[in-house]
Protein backbone atom coordinates (compact mmCIF):
# COMPACT_ATOMS: atom_id res chain seq x y z
CA MET A 1 26.13 -121.57 51.77
CA PRO A 2 25.67 -119.75 54.92
CA GLY A 3 28.45 -119.34 57.22
CA TYR A 4 26.30 -118.76 60.14
CA THR A 5 22.74 -120.03 61.19
CA HIS A 6 20.90 -119.58 64.22
CA ASP A 7 17.17 -120.56 65.30
CA TYR A 8 14.43 -117.84 65.77
CA ASP A 9 13.69 -117.17 69.50
CA ASN A 10 10.21 -118.50 70.19
CA ARG A 11 10.40 -118.69 73.97
CA HIS A 12 10.54 -114.84 74.46
CA TYR A 13 8.73 -113.81 71.52
CA PHE A 14 5.44 -114.45 69.75
CA PRO A 15 5.37 -114.75 66.96
CA ALA A 16 8.82 -116.22 66.90
CA ALA A 17 11.60 -113.56 66.11
CA PRO A 18 14.79 -113.63 64.14
CA VAL A 19 17.74 -113.63 66.80
CA VAL A 20 21.56 -114.18 66.44
CA GLU A 21 24.42 -114.62 68.96
CA ILE A 22 26.82 -111.82 68.79
CA THR A 23 30.14 -111.18 70.36
CA VAL A 24 30.64 -107.52 71.16
CA LYS A 25 34.62 -106.28 71.61
CA GLY A 26 36.08 -103.01 72.05
CA PRO A 27 38.18 -101.52 69.37
CA HIS A 28 41.51 -101.33 71.16
CA THR A 29 41.51 -104.22 73.67
CA GLU A 30 42.61 -107.90 74.01
CA HIS A 31 39.35 -108.34 75.94
CA PRO A 32 37.75 -111.48 74.41
CA GLY A 33 34.52 -110.03 74.22
CA VAL A 34 31.04 -110.54 75.56
CA GLN A 35 28.62 -112.81 73.86
CA LEU A 36 24.80 -111.98 74.04
CA ALA A 37 21.63 -112.90 72.08
CA ALA A 38 20.51 -110.03 69.89
CA LEU A 39 17.36 -109.29 67.92
CA LEU A 40 17.56 -108.63 64.28
CA ASP A 41 15.71 -105.27 63.25
CA SER A 42 15.80 -104.60 59.63
CA GLY A 43 13.84 -101.55 60.26
CA GLY A 44 16.27 -100.21 62.86
CA ASP A 45 18.98 -97.56 61.42
CA ALA A 46 21.41 -98.41 64.52
CA THR A 47 22.58 -101.48 66.57
CA ILE A 48 21.44 -100.74 70.19
CA LEU A 49 23.38 -102.57 73.11
CA PRO A 50 23.13 -102.35 77.02
CA SER A 51 25.72 -100.01 78.27
CA HIS A 52 27.13 -102.14 80.81
CA ILE A 53 28.35 -104.39 77.77
CA LEU A 54 29.90 -101.52 76.09
CA HIS A 55 31.62 -100.63 79.34
CA SER A 56 32.81 -104.02 80.03
CA VAL A 57 34.65 -104.35 76.67
CA ASN A 58 36.00 -101.12 76.79
CA ALA A 59 34.16 -99.58 73.70
CA LEU A 60 35.41 -96.24 72.66
CA TYR A 61 32.95 -93.40 73.48
CA VAL A 62 32.40 -91.29 70.39
CA GLU A 63 29.69 -88.75 71.10
CA THR A 64 26.27 -88.10 72.85
CA LYS A 65 23.68 -87.56 70.15
CA GLN A 66 19.95 -87.45 69.37
CA MET A 67 18.02 -90.43 68.18
CA ARG A 68 14.43 -90.90 67.28
CA GLY A 69 12.53 -94.04 67.99
CA ILE A 70 9.20 -95.32 66.88
CA ILE A 71 7.33 -92.88 68.77
CA ASN A 72 9.24 -90.16 66.77
CA GLN A 73 10.22 -88.44 70.11
CA PRO A 74 14.15 -87.38 70.23
CA ILE A 75 16.23 -88.90 73.12
CA GLU A 76 19.89 -88.25 73.78
CA VAL A 77 22.01 -91.34 73.55
CA ASP A 78 25.75 -92.17 73.93
CA ALA A 79 27.40 -93.72 70.76
CA TYR A 80 30.33 -96.07 71.00
CA LEU A 81 32.67 -97.66 68.57
CA ALA A 82 32.81 -101.59 68.89
CA THR A 83 33.26 -104.58 66.83
CA ILE A 84 30.27 -106.63 66.49
CA GLN A 85 30.87 -110.48 65.49
CA ILE A 86 28.31 -112.86 64.23
CA GLY A 87 29.78 -116.40 63.74
CA ILE A 88 32.99 -115.97 61.66
CA TYR A 89 32.14 -112.54 60.41
CA ALA A 90 33.65 -109.70 62.33
CA LEU A 91 32.74 -106.12 61.71
CA PRO A 92 34.94 -103.64 63.26
CA GLY A 93 34.30 -99.98 63.75
CA ILE A 94 30.48 -100.15 64.28
CA GLU A 95 28.99 -97.00 65.97
CA VAL A 96 26.62 -98.76 68.43
CA VAL A 97 24.02 -96.91 70.73
CA ALA A 98 24.08 -97.42 74.42
CA MET A 99 20.75 -97.97 76.25
CA ASP A 100 19.66 -98.89 79.65
CA ASN A 101 21.28 -102.06 81.14
CA ASN A 102 18.01 -103.80 81.17
CA SER A 103 17.33 -103.10 77.36
CA GLU A 104 17.63 -105.89 74.80
CA ALA A 105 20.32 -105.91 72.32
CA VAL A 106 19.33 -105.10 68.72
CA VAL A 107 21.30 -105.49 65.56
CA GLY A 108 20.23 -102.88 62.88
CA ARG A 109 20.84 -102.07 59.30
CA ASP A 110 24.36 -100.66 60.10
CA VAL A 111 25.28 -104.32 60.67
CA LEU A 112 22.77 -106.00 58.45
CA ASN A 113 23.59 -104.07 55.39
CA GLN A 114 27.16 -105.37 55.64
CA LEU A 115 25.95 -109.10 55.35
CA ILE A 116 23.69 -111.32 53.35
CA VAL A 117 20.96 -112.04 55.78
CA THR A 118 18.18 -114.52 55.00
CA LEU A 119 15.28 -114.81 57.28
CA ASN A 120 13.74 -118.24 56.86
CA GLY A 121 10.55 -117.60 58.52
CA LEU A 122 8.85 -121.01 57.51
CA ALA A 123 11.99 -122.74 59.02
CA HIS A 124 12.45 -120.21 61.87
CA VAL A 125 16.14 -120.04 60.95
CA VAL A 126 18.42 -117.01 60.16
CA GLU A 127 21.11 -117.63 57.73
CA ILE A 128 24.00 -115.23 57.32
CA SER A 129 27.06 -115.05 54.86
CA GLN A 130 29.13 -112.29 53.23
């Protein structure tokens, strides 16, 4: 039985896309965290979050490194440690990539591979368990 379910987003994506509500927290803070919607990307290596979210929760800067996107051009990105929570599932120590403040949040395989994620496309529902 899934511990978390969320409807696909059919208002911002066509066709409808699997999204979840996540809470982002810094690794060493009492900050309650910031909630936001995030697209699930089973093809993405990393979780990507807007930099202002990471700064607001005092995520821990790790390093600047190279990342390749779908156009295969390397870009420099800053990596931070954060806790990602989806429903009742908290995943501490996730190294997330900071992007421009207007970019959308994306949950990649670094998080997805720690959970059982079912994409029920016919019902337009994401189901998550552990």
